[in-house]
Amino acid sequence: MTRSPSALLEKTARADAQSHRHPGRFSLLRLSAAERLAGAAGLIALLWLAVYWALSRSGA
């Protein structure tokens, strides 16, 4: 018995979606907008802290 092309496509798509799930891995795409915004704010704060530290050490 042969399967219809759409049934094969659905089976392949389902298997492909399951193979891309990595529950133990960190993914930026799975974060909510608020979590991404908080991460960006934290990164900006760290950059400002690094700039402040560098300028205070240079005596400027």
Protein backbone atom coordinates (compact mmCIF):
# COMPACT_ATOMS: atom_id res chain seq x y z
CA MET A 1 0.00 0.00 0.00
CA THR A 2 1.35 3.41 -0.91
CA ARG A 3 0.77 6.53 1.09
CA SER A 4 -0.43 9.77 -0.36
CA PRO A 5 2.18 12.51 -0.76
CA SER A 6 0.39 14.68 1.80
CA ALA A 7 0.52 11.90 4.42
CA LEU A 8 4.25 11.47 3.81
CA LEU A 9 4.76 15.23 4.05
CA GLU A 10 2.86 15.40 7.35
CA LYS A 11 4.87 12.51 8.79
CA THR A 12 8.15 14.11 7.68
CA ALA A 13 7.13 17.53 9.07
CA ARG A 14 6.15 15.98 12.41
CA ALA A 15 9.43 14.06 12.68
CA ASP A 16 11.39 17.17 11.70
CA ALA A 17 9.63 19.30 14.34
CA GLN A 18 10.30 16.70 17.02
CA SER A 19 13.96 16.44 16.07
CA HIS A 20 14.44 20.21 16.53
CA ARG A 21 13.19 20.22 20.12
CA HIS A 22 16.03 20.46 22.60
CA PRO A 23 14.50 20.90 26.04
CA GLY A 24 17.87 21.16 27.77
CA ARG A 25 19.29 23.80 25.46
CA PHE A 26 18.94 27.58 25.75
CA SER A 27 17.20 29.28 22.85
CA LEU A 28 16.71 33.01 22.41
CA LEU A 29 13.78 32.33 20.10
CA ARG A 30 11.82 30.60 22.85
CA LEU A 31 12.05 33.53 25.26
CA SER A 32 9.14 35.91 25.65
CA ALA A 33 9.47 39.52 24.54
CA ALA A 34 9.77 40.67 28.16
CA GLU A 35 12.56 38.17 28.83
CA ARG A 36 14.43 39.29 25.72
CA LEU A 37 13.97 42.94 26.71
CA ALA A 38 15.26 42.24 30.22
CA GLY A 39 18.27 40.42 28.77
CA ALA A 40 19.03 43.33 26.44
CA ALA A 41 18.74 45.79 29.33
CA GLY A 42 21.11 43.67 31.41
CA LEU A 43 23.60 43.53 28.56
CA ILE A 44 23.45 47.30 28.09
CA ALA A 45 23.98 47.82 31.83
CA LEU A 46 27.03 45.55 31.73
CA LEU A 47 28.45 47.50 28.78
CA TRP A 48 27.95 50.82 30.62
CA LEU A 49 29.59 49.34 33.69
CA ALA A 50 32.57 48.23 31.60
CA VAL A 51 32.88 51.70 30.04
CA TYR A 52 32.68 53.36 33.45
CA TRP A 53 35.31 50.99 34.85
CA ALA A 54 37.64 51.57 31.89
CA LEU A 55 37.32 55.36 32.12
CA SER A 56 37.82 55.43 35.88
CA ARG A 57 41.01 53.38 35.58
CA SER A 58 42.48 55.60 32.87
CA GLY A 59 42.19 58.71 35.04
CA ALA A 60 40.10 60.61 32.50
